[in-house]
C-alpha atoms as a PDB file:
ATOM      1  CA  MET A   1      37.131 -63.156  54.170  1.00  0.00           C
ATOM      2  CA  SER A   2      38.192 -66.417  55.116  1.00  0.00           C
ATOM      3  CA  TYR A   3      40.829 -66.848  57.499  1.00  0.00           C
ATOM      4  CA  ALA A   4      42.924 -68.213  54.135  1.00  0.00           C
ATOM      5  CA  VAL A   5      42.330 -65.948  52.173  1.00  0.00           C
ATOM      6  CA  CYS A   6      43.318 -63.417  54.304  1.00  0.00           C
ATOM      7  CA  VAL A   7      46.921 -65.020  54.273  1.00  0.00           C
ATOM      8  CA  ILE A   8      46.858 -65.442  50.948  1.00  0.00           C
ATOM      9  CA  VAL A   9      46.344 -61.997  50.350  1.00  0.00           C
ATOM     10  CA  GLY A  10      48.857 -60.905  52.665  1.00  0.00           C
ATOM     11  CA  VAL A  11      51.509 -62.641  51.918  1.00  0.00           C
ATOM     12  CA  PHE A  12      50.702 -61.714  48.327  1.00  0.00           C
ATOM     13  CA  ALA A  13      50.386 -58.024  49.173  1.00  0.00           C
ATOM     14  CA  GLY A  14      53.558 -58.114  51.223  1.00  0.00           C
ATOM     15  CA  CYS A  15      55.636 -59.686  48.616  1.00  0.00           C
ATOM     16  CA  VAL A  16      54.127 -57.366  45.897  1.00  0.00           C
ATOM     17  CA  SER A  17      55.579 -54.412  48.526  1.00  0.00           C
ATOM     18  CA  GLY A  18      58.732 -55.471  49.299  1.00  0.00           C
ATOM     19  CA  LEU A  19      59.617 -55.258  45.340  1.00  0.00           C
ATOM     20  CA  GLY A  20      58.848 -51.627  45.517  1.00  0.00           C
ATOM     21  CA  LEU A  21      55.452 -52.222  43.542  1.00  0.00           C
ATOM     22  CA  GLY A  22      52.697 -51.060  46.000  1.00  0.00           C
ATOM     23  CA  GLY A  23      51.151 -53.268  47.964  1.00  0.00           C
ATOM     24  CA  GLY A  24      47.746 -51.776  47.329  1.00  0.00           C
ATOM     25  CA  THR A  25      47.312 -52.844  43.916  1.00  0.00           C
ATOM     26  CA  VAL A  26      46.685 -55.922  45.277  1.00  0.00           C
ATOM     27  CA  LEU A  27      45.423 -55.009  48.997  1.00  0.00           C
ATOM     28  CA  ILE A  28      42.855 -52.864  47.543  1.00  0.00           C
ATOM     29  CA  PRO A  29      40.970 -54.577  45.174  1.00  0.00           C
ATOM     30  CA  ALA A  30      40.903 -58.146  46.934  1.00  0.00           C
ATOM     31  CA  LEU A  31      39.301 -56.051  50.077  1.00  0.00           C
ATOM     32  CA  VAL A  32      36.730 -54.402  47.965  1.00  0.00           C
ATOM     33  CA  PHE A  33      35.702 -57.855  45.834  1.00  0.00           C
ATOM     34  CA  ALA A  34      36.585 -60.516  48.286  1.00  0.00           C
ATOM     35  CA  ALA A  35      35.757 -59.079  51.756  1.00  0.00           C
ATOM     36  CA  GLY A  36      33.164 -56.658  50.235  1.00  0.00           C
ATOM     37  CA  ILE A  37      34.326 -53.186  52.268  1.00  0.00           C
ATOM     38  CA  SER A  38      33.878 -50.198  50.879  1.00  0.00           C
ATOM     39  CA  GLN A  39      37.076 -48.233  48.922  1.00  0.00           C
ATOM     40  CA  ARG A  40      37.565 -45.995  51.403  1.00  0.00           C
ATOM     41  CA  GLU A  41      37.785 -48.855  54.423  1.00  0.00           C
ATOM     42  CA  ALA A  42      40.157 -50.152  52.252  1.00  0.00           C
ATOM     43  CA  GLN A  43      42.464 -47.755  51.815  1.00  0.00           C
ATOM     44  CA  VAL A  44      42.256 -47.098  55.449  1.00  0.00           C
ATOM     45  CA  PHE A  45      43.550 -50.647  55.670  1.00  0.00           C
ATOM     46  CA  ASN A  46      45.892 -50.339  53.253  1.00  0.00           C
ATOM     47  CA  LEU A  47      47.121 -47.136  55.103  1.00  0.00           C
ATOM     48  CA  LEU A  48      47.824 -49.477  58.438  1.00  0.00           C
ATOM     49  CA  TYR A  49      48.906 -52.517  56.323  1.00  0.00           C
ATOM     50  CA  PHE A  50      51.531 -50.152  54.713  1.00  0.00           C
ATOM     51  CA  VAL A  51      53.651 -48.964  57.594  1.00  0.00           C
ATOM     52  CA  PRO A  52      55.062 -52.382  59.026  1.00  0.00           C
ATOM     53  CA  THR A  53      55.233 -53.485  55.370  1.00  0.00           C
ATOM     54  CA  ALA A  54      56.882 -50.783  54.074  1.00  0.00           C
ATOM     55  CA  ILE A  55      59.840 -50.681  57.627  1.00  0.00           C
ATOM     56  CA  ALA A  56      60.392 -54.037  56.600  1.00  0.00           C
ATOM     57  CA  ALA A  57      60.866 -53.666  52.848  1.00  0.00           C
ATOM     58  CA  LEU A  58      62.629 -50.412  53.693  1.00  0.00           C
ATOM     59  CA  ALA A  59      64.992 -52.063  56.354  1.00  0.00           C
ATOM     60  CA  ALA A  60      66.358 -55.002  53.515  1.00  0.00           C
ATOM     61  CA  HIS A  61      66.727 -51.877  50.948  1.00  0.00           C
ATOM     62  CA  VAL A  62      68.982 -50.137  53.457  1.00  0.00           C
ATOM     63  CA  ARG A  63      70.746 -53.394  54.172  1.00  0.00           C
ATOM     64  CA  GLN A  64      71.737 -53.692  51.074  1.00  0.00           C
ATOM     65  CA  LYS A  65      72.863 -50.084  50.090  1.00  0.00           C
ATOM     66  CA  ASN A  66      70.033 -48.842  47.830  1.00  0.00           C
ATOM     67  CA  LEU A  67      68.820 -46.145  49.215  1.00  0.00           C
ATOM     68  CA  VAL A  68      69.621 -42.697  47.569  1.00  0.00           C
ATOM     69  CA  TYR A  69      69.781 -40.350  50.394  1.00  0.00           C
ATOM     70  CA  ARG A  70      70.509 -36.975  48.226  1.00  0.00           C
ATOM     71  CA  VAL A  71      66.701 -37.517  46.931  1.00  0.00           C
ATOM     72  CA  LEU A  72      65.152 -38.576  50.418  1.00  0.00           C
ATOM     73  CA  PRO A  73      64.221 -35.081  51.654  1.00  0.00           C
ATOM     74  CA  GLY A  74      62.417 -33.911  48.547  1.00  0.00           C
ATOM     75  CA  LEU A  75      60.721 -37.155  48.502  1.00  0.00           C
ATOM     76  CA  VAL A  76      59.808 -36.858  52.409  1.00  0.00           C
ATOM     77  CA  ILE A  77      58.159 -33.210  51.910  1.00  0.00           C
ATOM     78  CA  PHE A  78      56.517 -33.652  48.757  1.00  0.00           C
ATOM     79  CA  GLY A  79      55.240 -36.973  49.185  1.00  0.00           C
ATOM     80  CA  PHE A  80      53.784 -35.913  52.410  1.00  0.00           C
ATOM     81  CA  ILE A  81      52.283 -33.073  50.854  1.00  0.00           C
ATOM     82  CA  GLY A  82      50.809 -34.934  48.422  1.00  0.00           C
ATOM     83  CA  ALA A  83      49.534 -37.411  50.849  1.00  0.00           C
ATOM     84  CA  VAL A  84      47.998 -35.300  52.517  1.00  0.00           C
ATOM     85  CA  ILE A  85      46.667 -33.376  48.993  1.00  0.00           C
ATOM     86  CA  GLY A  86      45.239 -37.333  48.326  1.00  0.00           C
ATOM     87  CA  ALA A  87      43.108 -37.808  51.032  1.00  0.00           C
ATOM     88  CA  THR A  88      41.971 -34.749  51.036  1.00  0.00           C
ATOM     89  CA  VAL A  89      40.549 -35.455  47.906  1.00  0.00           C
ATOM     90  CA  ALA A  90      39.712 -39.010  48.888  1.00  0.00           C
ATOM     91  CA  VAL A  91      37.225 -38.091  51.535  1.00  0.00           C
ATOM     92  CA  ARG A  92      35.416 -35.544  49.349  1.00  0.00           C
ATOM     93  CA  VAL A  93      35.134 -37.670  46.235  1.00  0.00           C
ATOM     94  CA  ASP A  94      31.995 -39.763  45.814  1.00  0.00           C
ATOM     95  CA  GLU A  95      33.096 -43.523  46.224  1.00  0.00           C
ATOM     96  CA  GLY A  96      31.763 -44.920  43.126  1.00  0.00           C
ATOM     97  CA  LEU A  97      33.974 -41.886  41.633  1.00  0.00           C
ATOM     98  CA  LEU A  98      36.876 -43.244  43.877  1.00  0.00           C
ATOM     99  CA  ARG A  99      36.699 -47.032  42.747  1.00  0.00           C
ATOM    100  CA  LYS A 100      36.476 -45.853  38.909  1.00  0.00           C
ATOM    101  CA  LEU A 101      39.763 -43.539  39.600  1.00  0.00           C
ATOM    102  CA  PHE A 102      41.676 -46.447  41.207  1.00  0.00           C
ATOM    103  CA  GLY A 103      41.198 -48.610  38.561  1.00  0.00           C
ATOM    104  CA  GLY A 104      41.603 -46.470  36.077  1.00  0.00           C
ATOM    105  CA  PHE A 105      45.020 -46.003  37.453  1.00  0.00           C
ATOM    106  CA  LEU A 106      46.078 -49.512  37.906  1.00  0.00           C
ATOM    107  CA  LEU A 107      44.827 -50.113  34.136  1.00  0.00           C
ATOM    108  CA  LEU A 108      47.373 -47.382  32.953  1.00  0.00           C
ATOM    109  CA  LEU A 109      50.028 -49.014  34.932  1.00  0.00           C
ATOM    110  CA  GLY A 110      49.417 -52.329  34.021  1.00  0.00           C
ATOM    111  CA  THR A 111      49.263 -51.052  30.480  1.00  0.00           C
ATOM    112  CA  ALA A 112      52.503 -49.152  30.968  1.00  0.00           C
ATOM    113  CA  GLU A 113      53.798 -51.905  31.935  1.00  0.00           C
ATOM    114  CA  ILE A 114      52.803 -54.438  29.405  1.00  0.00           C
ATOM    115  CA  PHE A 115      54.485 -51.838  26.280  1.00  0.00           C
ATOM    116  CA  LYS A 116      57.809 -50.956  28.618  1.00  0.00           C
ATOM    117  CA  LYS A 117      61.093 -51.979  27.141  1.00  0.00           C
ATOM    118  CA  ASN A 118      63.445 -53.132  29.235  1.00  0.00           C
END
């Protein structure tokens, strides 16, 4: 992937992350199709990419007082548990199946957004 493509994908994925939509929905397919890396490698890149972008987006949302603190502990605890389960599954599942699961997830998300009211 050329430097220019990296810049475009990085900025676009960062904007999507800042909106709270998950930059991985842009970053992972871009890395798989444009850079030709494996689904697992793209997921690792996404996790590394997520840390600084999440910190930047979180800071902006905290400044705007968009954080509901009472739900934070449960989300963090169960999100951590889910991440451990998800990572364990991701390293054990066949790469082809992993790509299909991710593609199906994106398809479901996109379909839900198309038919979502307001």
